[in-house]
Every structure is written in structure tokens, then in C-alpha cells.
């Protein structure tokens, strides 16, 4: 595949972040229902912390093996989407919107509540 294909894939993922709430919710008994449905697509995650052990960003692997795709959230109203498909990594920043801001806040909140640092 080419850089153009990876770039288009990254753009499509970035654009699709606005529609994350359209996923069917999982009945998990808490306020993360629709979010958990969306998060089930994540294959792996990387967490970045500050020196004060405050969560700075969450990077989710959402596709692997062709294409590879990571989405990075940091609590803002945009997300960084990186994609490669036997090519160089192509990076797209999503358009600022309230839906992405809400998703970013949920991602950050979820990992702050469920993942603990070991000293």
C-alpha cells in the first residue's frame, strides 16, 4: 500500500470519531456503556504520564496488520490518528468537535480510574 492509502485511512478514522456514540451500547451497568462498546475495538493501549504521575495521554491501537492505526487522546477536543499500511506513518489531527472532546474525556477518565501506577 502507499502513503496515500494510509493517509486516507487516517483521515477516515479521524472523521469517524464524531460518530462514536452511534455504536450499540454494552449493558455494563455504568455510565461507560456506549464508550465500552467503542473501546472494545482497541487492541492495545499506551499510557503517558507526567513526572508527577498524572495521566497525560492515552494511545489506543485500533487496527493492526494492515492497516496499523493508533488514536491518541489527551483530553482535548481533537485526537491524533496515525496510520501505516506497509508505508510511512501518516498522521491526521481530527477536527475539533464536542463529540471528540467527550470521547477524549471518557478515555482519559476511564484509564485514570482503572489503571494504577506501581511505584
Protein backbone atom coordinates (compact mmCIF):
# COMPACT_ATOMS: atom_id res chain seq x y z
CA UNK A 1 0.00 0.00 0.00
CA UNK A 2 1.03 3.57 -0.38
CA UNK A 3 1.38 6.61 1.82
CA UNK A 4 -1.73 7.98 0.09
CA UNK A 5 -3.78 4.94 1.14
CA UNK A 6 -2.56 5.20 4.76
CA UNK A 7 -3.29 8.93 4.79
CA UNK A 8 -6.83 8.38 3.50
CA UNK A 9 -7.39 5.68 6.12
CA UNK A 10 -6.19 8.04 8.88
CA UNK A 11 -8.50 10.78 7.58
CA UNK A 12 -11.46 8.38 7.54
CA UNK A 13 -10.78 7.27 11.12
CA UNK A 14 -10.36 10.88 12.29
CA UNK A 15 -13.63 11.86 10.60
CA UNK A 16 -15.41 8.83 12.08
CA UNK A 17 -14.55 9.82 15.65
CA UNK A 18 -17.52 12.18 15.53
CA UNK A 19 -19.87 9.20 15.25
CA UNK A 20 -18.55 7.06 18.12
CA UNK A 21 -21.80 7.48 20.06
CA UNK A 22 -23.71 5.64 17.32
CA UNK A 23 -22.22 2.31 18.50
CA UNK A 24 -24.58 -0.13 20.18
CA UNK A 25 -24.08 0.14 23.95
CA UNK A 26 -22.91 -2.73 26.10
CA UNK A 27 -25.15 -3.31 29.10
CA UNK A 28 -22.43 -2.98 31.73
CA UNK A 29 -24.48 -1.20 34.39
CA UNK A 30 -22.49 2.03 34.45
CA UNK A 31 -22.20 5.32 32.59
CA UNK A 32 -19.49 3.96 30.28
CA UNK A 33 -21.91 1.72 28.29
CA UNK A 34 -21.57 3.16 24.77
CA UNK A 35 -17.95 4.01 25.47
CA UNK A 36 -17.18 0.39 26.42
CA UNK A 37 -18.68 -0.75 23.12
CA UNK A 38 -16.39 1.64 21.29
CA UNK A 39 -13.37 0.74 23.44
CA UNK A 40 -13.80 -2.99 22.72
CA UNK A 41 -12.30 -2.27 19.30
CA UNK A 42 -8.98 -1.28 20.90
CA UNK A 43 -6.33 -3.98 20.61
CA UNK A 44 -3.75 -2.37 22.90
CA UNK A 45 -3.01 0.89 24.67
CA UNK A 46 -0.08 3.03 25.74
CA UNK A 47 -0.31 5.47 28.63
CA UNK A 48 1.91 8.52 29.04
CA UNK A 49 2.34 10.02 32.50
CA UNK A 50 3.93 13.23 33.72
CA UNK A 51 6.73 13.13 36.30
CA UNK A 52 4.02 13.81 38.91
CA UNK A 53 2.28 10.54 37.87
CA UNK A 54 -0.62 12.38 36.23
CA UNK A 55 -2.03 10.79 33.10
CA UNK A 56 -1.00 12.92 30.11
CA UNK A 57 -2.34 10.92 27.15
CA UNK A 58 -3.76 7.58 26.04
CA UNK A 59 -2.77 5.99 22.74
CA UNK A 60 -5.10 3.22 21.51
CA UNK A 61 -4.24 0.65 18.85
CA UNK A 62 -7.46 0.19 16.88
CA UNK A 63 -6.20 -1.71 13.82
CA UNK A 64 -3.22 -3.96 13.26
CA UNK A 65 -1.72 -5.93 10.40
CA UNK A 66 -2.89 -3.82 7.52
CA UNK A 67 -3.52 -1.11 8.25
CA UNK A 68 -1.98 -0.29 11.61
CA UNK A 69 -3.81 2.56 13.30
CA UNK A 70 -3.27 4.37 16.61
CA UNK A 71 -5.51 7.09 18.07
CA UNK A 72 -4.05 9.37 20.76
CA UNK A 73 -6.30 11.24 23.20
CA UNK A 74 -5.15 13.86 25.69
CA UNK A 75 -8.41 15.30 27.00
CA UNK A 76 -8.80 17.96 24.30
CA UNK A 77 -11.44 18.25 21.57
CA UNK A 78 -9.16 16.70 18.95
CA UNK A 79 -7.38 13.36 18.59
CA UNK A 80 -4.24 12.37 16.71
CA UNK A 81 -4.71 9.48 14.29
CA UNK A 82 -1.63 7.68 12.97
CA UNK A 83 -1.91 5.05 10.24
CA UNK A 84 0.52 2.99 8.21
CA UNK A 85 -0.12 0.31 5.64
CA UNK A 86 3.24 -1.03 4.56
CA UNK A 87 4.18 2.63 4.32
CA UNK A 88 5.47 5.55 6.34
CA UNK A 89 3.28 6.62 9.26
CA UNK A 90 0.67 9.15 8.18
CA UNK A 91 -0.68 11.49 10.86
CA UNK A 92 -4.00 13.34 10.89
CA UNK A 93 -5.43 15.54 13.64
CA UNK A 94 -9.19 15.29 13.90
CA UNK A 95 -11.33 18.38 13.53
CA UNK A 96 -12.23 19.94 16.89
CA UNK A 97 -15.75 18.92 17.91
CA UNK A 98 -17.77 18.25 21.05
CA UNK A 99 -18.15 14.53 20.25
CA UNK A 100 -14.39 14.02 20.10
CA UNK A 101 -13.95 16.11 23.25
CA UNK A 102 -16.44 13.89 25.07
CA UNK A 103 -14.75 10.71 23.81
CA UNK A 104 -11.35 12.07 24.82
CA UNK A 105 -12.60 12.90 28.31
CA UNK A 106 -14.10 9.41 28.66
CA UNK A 107 -10.88 7.74 27.50
CA UNK A 108 -8.79 9.78 29.93
CA UNK A 109 -11.26 9.25 32.77
CA UNK A 110 -11.52 5.50 32.14
CA UNK A 111 -7.77 4.96 32.26
CA UNK A 112 -7.31 7.26 35.25
CA UNK A 113 -9.89 5.19 37.15
CA UNK A 114 -8.84 1.70 36.04
CA UNK A 115 -5.06 1.74 35.66
CA UNK A 116 -2.73 2.32 38.57
CA UNK A 117 0.96 3.07 38.55
CA UNK A 118 3.19 0.79 40.52
CA UNK A 119 5.97 2.53 42.36
